[in-house]
């Protein structure tokens, strides 16, 4: 009887854990797509802004150029993160297959693609935020 109760609790635990993993995956995908969309949109907005507020104050062009560079690198980092995430999943399956008999060894095995994917995603977010701040400063300095 006790074994059945332990097994039932373990199954509930596994279901809850899987739910949290699924929610985390969905949230990550949403965030990645949002960063990509907003970064791309920021380029478009900055081009429209340049067209509307001509002439641009020359001393603010540096802000615009740096914001474009950071937003571009942010987009490329996010795309790289997608690619590295695919590689991480493939490599993770290889690790699981290799250590099928020793699941703990599989869980602790190094997956360099996973770390690289996470680094690219975090870098993308940081670069995006800085790029948007610079773009906002460029806009404000040209409006005022």
Protein backbone atom coordinates (compact mmCIF):
# COMPACT_ATOMS: atom_id res chain seq x y z
CA UNK A 1 0.00 0.00 0.00
CA UNK A 2 2.78 2.40 0.92
CA UNK A 3 4.56 1.73 -2.41
CA UNK A 4 1.39 2.61 -4.33
CA UNK A 5 1.02 5.85 -2.40
CA UNK A 6 4.68 6.76 -2.97
CA UNK A 7 4.31 5.91 -6.66
CA UNK A 8 1.15 8.04 -6.90
CA UNK A 9 2.90 11.00 -5.26
CA UNK A 10 5.85 10.53 -7.58
CA UNK A 11 3.56 10.57 -10.62
CA UNK A 12 1.89 13.76 -9.38
CA UNK A 13 5.34 15.25 -8.83
CA UNK A 14 6.40 14.32 -12.38
CA UNK A 15 3.22 15.78 -13.89
CA UNK A 16 3.67 19.05 -11.99
CA UNK A 17 7.34 19.22 -12.91
CA UNK A 18 6.52 18.66 -16.58
CA UNK A 19 3.90 21.41 -16.38
CA UNK A 20 6.48 23.88 -15.05
CA UNK A 21 8.94 22.88 -17.79
CA UNK A 22 6.26 23.35 -20.47
CA UNK A 23 5.30 26.78 -19.10
CA UNK A 24 8.96 27.81 -18.96
CA UNK A 25 9.45 26.67 -22.58
CA UNK A 26 6.40 28.62 -23.75
CA UNK A 27 7.48 31.74 -21.88
CA UNK A 28 10.99 31.51 -23.31
CA UNK A 29 9.67 31.13 -26.84
CA UNK A 30 7.34 34.09 -26.35
CA UNK A 31 10.16 36.26 -24.98
CA UNK A 32 12.49 35.31 -27.83
CA UNK A 33 9.86 36.16 -30.45
CA UNK A 34 8.99 39.41 -28.68
CA UNK A 35 12.61 40.57 -28.58
CA UNK A 36 13.04 39.70 -32.24
CA UNK A 37 9.83 41.51 -33.25
CA UNK A 38 10.46 44.61 -31.16
CA UNK A 39 14.09 44.90 -32.30
CA UNK A 40 13.03 44.68 -35.91
CA UNK A 41 10.22 47.18 -35.30
CA UNK A 42 12.63 49.59 -33.64
CA UNK A 43 14.67 49.70 -36.84
CA UNK A 44 11.56 50.62 -38.78
CA UNK A 45 10.49 53.27 -36.29
CA UNK A 46 13.93 54.85 -36.33
CA UNK A 47 13.85 55.06 -40.11
CA UNK A 48 10.42 56.71 -40.02
CA UNK A 49 11.65 59.08 -37.32
CA UNK A 50 14.63 60.08 -39.45
CA UNK A 51 12.36 60.80 -42.40
CA UNK A 52 9.90 62.87 -40.33
CA UNK A 53 12.43 64.93 -38.41
CA UNK A 54 14.78 66.06 -41.08
CA UNK A 55 17.32 67.54 -40.57
CA UNK A 56 18.70 65.38 -37.77
CA UNK A 57 20.91 67.06 -35.20
CA UNK A 58 24.41 65.88 -36.20
CA UNK A 59 25.64 65.27 -32.66
CA UNK A 60 22.87 62.69 -32.16
CA UNK A 61 23.81 60.47 -35.10
CA UNK A 62 26.25 58.53 -32.91
CA UNK A 63 23.36 57.49 -30.68
CA UNK A 64 21.43 56.30 -33.71
CA UNK A 65 24.33 54.35 -35.16
CA UNK A 66 25.11 52.64 -31.85
CA UNK A 67 21.45 51.82 -31.29
CA UNK A 68 21.24 50.25 -34.75
CA UNK A 69 24.40 48.25 -34.14
CA UNK A 70 23.14 46.97 -30.79
CA UNK A 71 19.69 46.15 -32.13
CA UNK A 72 21.23 44.32 -35.09
CA UNK A 73 23.53 42.31 -32.82
CA UNK A 74 20.52 41.62 -30.57
CA UNK A 75 18.58 40.21 -33.52
CA UNK A 76 21.56 38.12 -34.62
CA UNK A 77 22.10 36.87 -31.05
CA UNK A 78 18.47 35.81 -30.79
CA UNK A 79 18.65 33.98 -34.11
CA UNK A 80 21.87 32.35 -32.93
CA UNK A 81 20.12 31.36 -29.72
CA UNK A 82 17.40 29.59 -31.74
CA UNK A 83 20.04 27.70 -33.71
CA UNK A 84 22.06 26.80 -30.60
CA UNK A 85 18.91 25.67 -28.80
CA UNK A 86 18.21 23.18 -31.61
CA UNK A 87 21.81 21.93 -31.35
CA UNK A 88 21.45 21.70 -27.54
CA UNK A 89 18.34 19.55 -27.85
CA UNK A 90 20.00 17.23 -30.36
CA UNK A 91 23.10 16.95 -28.21
CA UNK A 92 20.93 16.38 -25.12
CA UNK A 93 19.23 13.45 -26.83
CA UNK A 94 22.64 12.04 -27.71
CA UNK A 95 23.69 12.29 -24.06
CA UNK A 96 20.48 10.60 -22.93
CA UNK A 97 20.95 7.81 -25.44
CA UNK A 98 24.59 7.33 -24.43
CA UNK A 99 23.85 7.18 -20.70
CA UNK A 100 20.46 5.46 -20.86
CA UNK A 101 21.41 3.10 -18.05
CA UNK A 102 22.75 5.89 -15.81
CA UNK A 103 20.22 8.73 -15.93
CA UNK A 104 22.04 10.75 -13.24
CA UNK A 105 25.16 10.79 -15.38
CA UNK A 106 23.05 11.97 -18.31
CA UNK A 107 21.57 14.79 -16.25
CA UNK A 108 24.96 16.04 -15.12
CA UNK A 109 26.74 15.65 -18.47
CA UNK A 110 28.03 18.86 -20.02
CA UNK A 111 26.00 20.28 -22.90
CA UNK A 112 27.99 23.23 -24.28
CA UNK A 113 25.25 24.15 -26.76
CA UNK A 114 22.80 24.70 -23.91
CA UNK A 115 25.13 27.15 -22.19
CA UNK A 116 25.88 28.94 -25.47
CA UNK A 117 22.17 29.20 -26.27
CA UNK A 118 21.41 30.71 -22.88
CA UNK A 119 24.31 33.15 -23.18
CA UNK A 120 23.12 34.25 -26.65
CA UNK A 121 19.56 34.78 -25.38
CA UNK A 122 20.67 36.80 -22.35
CA UNK A 123 23.08 38.84 -24.49
CA UNK A 124 20.27 39.55 -26.92
CA UNK A 125 18.05 40.90 -24.16
CA UNK A 126 20.80 43.12 -22.72
CA UNK A 127 21.79 44.48 -26.13
CA UNK A 128 18.13 45.06 -26.97
CA UNK A 129 17.56 47.11 -23.82
CA UNK A 130 20.66 49.24 -24.37
CA UNK A 131 19.80 49.69 -28.06
CA UNK A 132 16.26 50.84 -27.22
CA UNK A 133 17.59 53.27 -24.61
CA UNK A 134 20.02 54.77 -27.15
CA UNK A 135 17.27 54.98 -29.77
CA UNK A 136 14.99 56.73 -27.28
CA UNK A 137 17.75 59.20 -26.40
CA UNK A 138 18.31 59.87 -30.10
CA UNK A 139 14.61 60.58 -30.58
CA UNK A 140 14.35 62.77 -27.50
CA UNK A 141 17.41 64.84 -28.37
CA UNK A 142 16.02 65.48 -31.85
CA UNK A 143 12.54 66.41 -30.60
CA UNK A 144 13.76 68.80 -27.89
